[in-house]
N, C-alpha and C. Protein backbone atom coordinates (compact mmCIF):
# COMPACT_ATOMS: atom_id res chain seq x y z
N MET A 1 58.43 51.54 57.39
CA MET A 1 58.86 50.26 57.90
C MET A 1 57.83 49.76 58.91
N LYS A 2 57.46 48.50 58.81
CA LYS A 2 56.46 47.91 59.68
C LYS A 2 57.10 47.46 60.99
N THR A 3 56.47 47.81 62.10
CA THR A 3 56.94 47.40 63.41
C THR A 3 56.46 45.99 63.70
N ILE A 4 57.35 45.17 64.22
CA ILE A 4 56.98 43.82 64.60
C ILE A 4 56.37 43.87 66.00
N VAL A 5 55.15 43.39 66.11
CA VAL A 5 54.45 43.39 67.39
C VAL A 5 54.71 42.05 68.07
N PRO A 6 55.24 42.07 69.30
CA PRO A 6 55.46 40.81 69.99
C PRO A 6 54.14 40.12 70.30
N THR A 7 54.17 38.81 70.40
CA THR A 7 52.96 38.06 70.72
C THR A 7 52.55 38.29 72.17
N SER A 8 51.31 38.01 72.46
CA SER A 8 50.85 38.09 73.85
C SER A 8 51.65 37.15 74.74
N GLU A 9 52.01 35.99 74.20
CA GLU A 9 52.78 35.02 74.97
C GLU A 9 54.16 35.56 75.31
N HIS A 10 54.79 36.24 74.35
CA HIS A 10 56.10 36.84 74.60
C HIS A 10 55.98 37.92 75.68
N ILE A 11 54.96 38.74 75.57
CA ILE A 11 54.74 39.81 76.55
C ILE A 11 54.47 39.21 77.92
N ALA A 12 53.66 38.15 77.97
CA ALA A 12 53.36 37.50 79.25
C ALA A 12 54.63 36.95 79.89
N SER A 13 55.48 36.34 79.09
CA SER A 13 56.75 35.82 79.60
C SER A 13 57.61 36.94 80.17
N TRP A 14 57.64 38.05 79.47
CA TRP A 14 58.40 39.21 79.94
C TRP A 14 57.81 39.73 81.25
N ILE A 15 56.48 39.83 81.33
CA ILE A 15 55.83 40.30 82.56
C ILE A 15 56.13 39.34 83.72
N ILE A 16 56.08 38.04 83.46
CA ILE A 16 56.40 37.06 84.50
C ILE A 16 57.80 37.31 85.05
N SER A 17 58.76 37.56 84.18
CA SER A 17 60.12 37.80 84.65
C SER A 17 60.20 39.06 85.50
N ARG A 18 59.48 40.10 85.12
CA ARG A 18 59.48 41.34 85.89
C ARG A 18 58.81 41.13 87.25
N VAL A 19 57.65 40.50 87.25
CA VAL A 19 56.92 40.26 88.50
C VAL A 19 57.76 39.41 89.45
N ALA A 20 58.40 38.38 88.92
CA ALA A 20 59.25 37.52 89.74
C ALA A 20 60.40 38.32 90.35
N ALA A 21 60.99 39.20 89.55
CA ALA A 21 62.11 40.00 90.05
C ALA A 21 61.66 40.99 91.12
N TYR A 22 60.54 41.66 90.90
CA TYR A 22 60.06 42.64 91.88
C TYR A 22 59.80 41.99 93.23
N GLY A 23 59.10 40.87 93.21
CA GLY A 23 58.68 40.23 94.45
C GLY A 23 59.63 39.16 94.95
N GLU A 24 60.75 38.97 94.22
CA GLU A 24 61.70 37.90 94.55
C GLU A 24 60.95 36.57 94.70
N ILE A 25 60.15 36.28 93.67
CA ILE A 25 59.30 35.10 93.64
C ILE A 25 59.81 34.16 92.55
N ASP A 26 59.83 32.87 92.83
CA ASP A 26 60.19 31.89 91.82
C ASP A 26 59.10 31.90 90.75
N PRO A 27 59.46 32.20 89.48
CA PRO A 27 58.44 32.27 88.43
C PRO A 27 57.72 30.95 88.18
N GLY A 28 58.27 29.86 88.67
CA GLY A 28 57.61 28.57 88.52
C GLY A 28 56.47 28.36 89.51
N THR A 29 56.29 29.31 90.43
CA THR A 29 55.26 29.15 91.46
C THR A 29 53.95 29.85 91.13
N PHE A 30 53.89 30.49 89.96
CA PHE A 30 52.64 31.14 89.56
C PHE A 30 52.48 31.03 88.05
N THR A 31 51.26 31.29 87.58
CA THR A 31 50.96 31.16 86.16
C THR A 31 50.46 32.49 85.61
N VAL A 32 50.20 32.50 84.32
CA VAL A 32 49.68 33.71 83.68
C VAL A 32 48.27 34.04 84.17
N ASP A 33 47.61 33.08 84.82
CA ASP A 33 46.26 33.31 85.32
C ASP A 33 46.21 33.68 86.80
N THR A 34 47.38 33.79 87.42
CA THR A 34 47.45 34.21 88.81
C THR A 34 47.17 35.70 88.90
N SER A 35 46.38 36.09 89.87
CA SER A 35 46.10 37.51 90.09
C SER A 35 47.37 38.21 90.58
N LEU A 36 47.64 39.37 90.01
CA LEU A 36 48.80 40.14 90.46
C LEU A 36 48.65 40.51 91.93
N ALA A 37 47.45 40.77 92.38
CA ALA A 37 47.21 41.08 93.80
C ALA A 37 47.61 39.90 94.68
N ASP A 38 47.35 38.67 94.21
CA ASP A 38 47.74 37.48 94.97
C ASP A 38 49.25 37.35 95.08
N LEU A 39 49.98 38.01 94.20
CA LEU A 39 51.44 37.99 94.23
C LEU A 39 52.01 39.15 95.03
N GLY A 40 51.13 39.88 95.70
CA GLY A 40 51.58 40.99 96.53
C GLY A 40 51.74 42.30 95.80
N PHE A 41 51.19 42.37 94.60
CA PHE A 41 51.30 43.61 93.83
C PHE A 41 50.54 44.73 94.52
N ASN A 42 51.21 45.87 94.61
CA ASN A 42 50.59 47.06 95.19
C ASN A 42 50.81 48.22 94.23
N SER A 43 50.46 49.42 94.64
CA SER A 43 50.56 50.57 93.73
C SER A 43 52.00 50.87 93.33
N VAL A 44 52.95 50.63 94.22
CA VAL A 44 54.36 50.88 93.88
C VAL A 44 54.81 49.92 92.78
N TYR A 45 54.51 48.63 92.95
CA TYR A 45 54.85 47.65 91.92
C TYR A 45 54.13 47.97 90.61
N ALA A 46 52.88 48.38 90.70
CA ALA A 46 52.10 48.70 89.50
C ALA A 46 52.74 49.84 88.72
N LEU A 47 53.13 50.89 89.42
CA LEU A 47 53.78 52.03 88.75
C LEU A 47 55.11 51.61 88.14
N THR A 48 55.85 50.80 88.86
CA THR A 48 57.14 50.32 88.35
C THR A 48 56.95 49.48 87.10
N LEU A 49 55.99 48.55 87.15
CA LEU A 49 55.74 47.70 85.98
C LEU A 49 55.27 48.53 84.80
N CYS A 50 54.40 49.49 85.03
CA CYS A 50 53.93 50.35 83.93
C CYS A 50 55.10 51.10 83.30
N GLY A 51 56.00 51.62 84.12
CA GLY A 51 57.18 52.30 83.59
C GLY A 51 58.05 51.36 82.78
N ASP A 52 58.21 50.13 83.27
CA ASP A 52 59.01 49.15 82.53
C ASP A 52 58.34 48.77 81.21
N ILE A 53 57.02 48.63 81.22
CA ILE A 53 56.28 48.33 79.98
C ILE A 53 56.47 49.47 78.98
N GLU A 54 56.34 50.70 79.45
CA GLU A 54 56.53 51.86 78.57
C GLU A 54 57.92 51.86 77.95
N ASP A 55 58.93 51.58 78.76
CA ASP A 55 60.31 51.57 78.25
C ASP A 55 60.55 50.41 77.28
N ALA A 56 60.05 49.24 77.64
CA ALA A 56 60.31 48.04 76.83
C ALA A 56 59.58 48.06 75.49
N TYR A 57 58.36 48.61 75.48
CA TYR A 57 57.53 48.52 74.29
C TYR A 57 57.22 49.86 73.65
N ASP A 58 57.81 50.92 74.17
CA ASP A 58 57.68 52.27 73.61
C ASP A 58 56.22 52.68 73.42
N ILE A 59 55.44 52.49 74.50
CA ILE A 59 54.04 52.89 74.51
C ILE A 59 53.76 53.63 75.81
N ASP A 60 52.67 54.40 75.83
CA ASP A 60 52.21 55.03 77.06
C ASP A 60 51.19 54.12 77.72
N VAL A 61 51.36 53.92 79.01
CA VAL A 61 50.47 53.02 79.75
C VAL A 61 49.96 53.73 81.00
N ASP A 62 48.66 53.76 81.15
CA ASP A 62 48.05 54.30 82.36
C ASP A 62 48.13 53.22 83.44
N PRO A 63 48.56 53.57 84.65
CA PRO A 63 48.69 52.56 85.71
C PRO A 63 47.40 51.80 86.02
N THR A 64 46.26 52.35 85.66
CA THR A 64 45.01 51.62 85.91
C THR A 64 44.91 50.34 85.08
N ILE A 65 45.77 50.20 84.07
CA ILE A 65 45.76 48.98 83.25
C ILE A 65 45.99 47.75 84.13
N ILE A 66 46.78 47.91 85.19
CA ILE A 66 47.07 46.80 86.09
C ILE A 66 45.80 46.35 86.81
N TRP A 67 44.99 47.29 87.23
CA TRP A 67 43.77 46.95 87.97
C TRP A 67 42.65 46.55 87.01
N ASP A 68 42.67 47.08 85.80
CA ASP A 68 41.67 46.71 84.80
C ASP A 68 41.91 45.30 84.25
N HIS A 69 43.16 44.86 84.29
CA HIS A 69 43.56 43.54 83.77
C HIS A 69 44.42 42.88 84.85
N PRO A 70 43.79 42.29 85.86
CA PRO A 70 44.49 41.87 87.07
C PRO A 70 45.33 40.60 86.98
N THR A 71 45.31 39.92 85.84
CA THR A 71 46.17 38.75 85.69
C THR A 71 47.25 39.04 84.65
N ILE A 72 48.29 38.25 84.67
CA ILE A 72 49.37 38.43 83.69
C ILE A 72 48.84 38.21 82.28
N ARG A 73 48.00 37.21 82.10
CA ARG A 73 47.42 36.96 80.78
C ARG A 73 46.63 38.17 80.29
N GLY A 74 45.78 38.70 81.16
CA GLY A 74 44.96 39.86 80.80
C GLY A 74 45.80 41.09 80.51
N LEU A 75 46.81 41.31 81.34
CA LEU A 75 47.68 42.46 81.15
C LEU A 75 48.47 42.32 79.85
N ALA A 76 49.00 41.13 79.59
CA ALA A 76 49.76 40.90 78.36
C ALA A 76 48.89 41.13 77.13
N SER A 77 47.66 40.67 77.19
CA SER A 77 46.73 40.87 76.08
C SER A 77 46.46 42.36 75.85
N ALA A 78 46.26 43.10 76.94
CA ALA A 78 46.00 44.54 76.83
C ALA A 78 47.21 45.28 76.27
N VAL A 79 48.40 44.90 76.71
CA VAL A 79 49.62 45.53 76.20
C VAL A 79 49.79 45.19 74.72
N HIS A 80 49.56 43.93 74.37
CA HIS A 80 49.66 43.50 72.97
C HIS A 80 48.72 44.33 72.09
N GLU A 81 47.50 44.51 72.54
CA GLU A 81 46.53 45.29 71.78
C GLU A 81 46.98 46.74 71.65
N LYS A 82 47.51 47.30 72.72
CA LYS A 82 47.96 48.69 72.71
C LYS A 82 49.14 48.86 71.75
N ILE A 83 50.06 47.92 71.75
CA ILE A 83 51.21 47.99 70.83
C ILE A 83 50.73 47.95 69.39
N GLY A 84 49.75 47.11 69.12
CA GLY A 84 49.22 46.98 67.77
C GLY A 84 48.52 48.21 67.25
N HIS A 85 48.13 49.11 68.15
CA HIS A 85 47.43 50.33 67.75
C HIS A 85 48.30 51.57 67.75
N VAL A 86 49.59 51.39 67.95
CA VAL A 86 50.50 52.55 67.97
C VAL A 86 50.78 52.99 66.57
């Protein structure tokens, strides 16, 4: 059976909702091109988001993915690519 891979846009939307919830930030105040660091992301948030990504998409994610792809767009693209290679 073929697994349906969510689009990068779907993943970005999901990440936006998580980031907004973690930081209690209105999701309308930032975009997919906003740096996660500019949103107050730190190592605790990064580990939490990585765990949520692993649970939501059934993949293993190294926490350095957050620092290697510092925007929501970049992170969503990296997650999308990783899902496609599972």
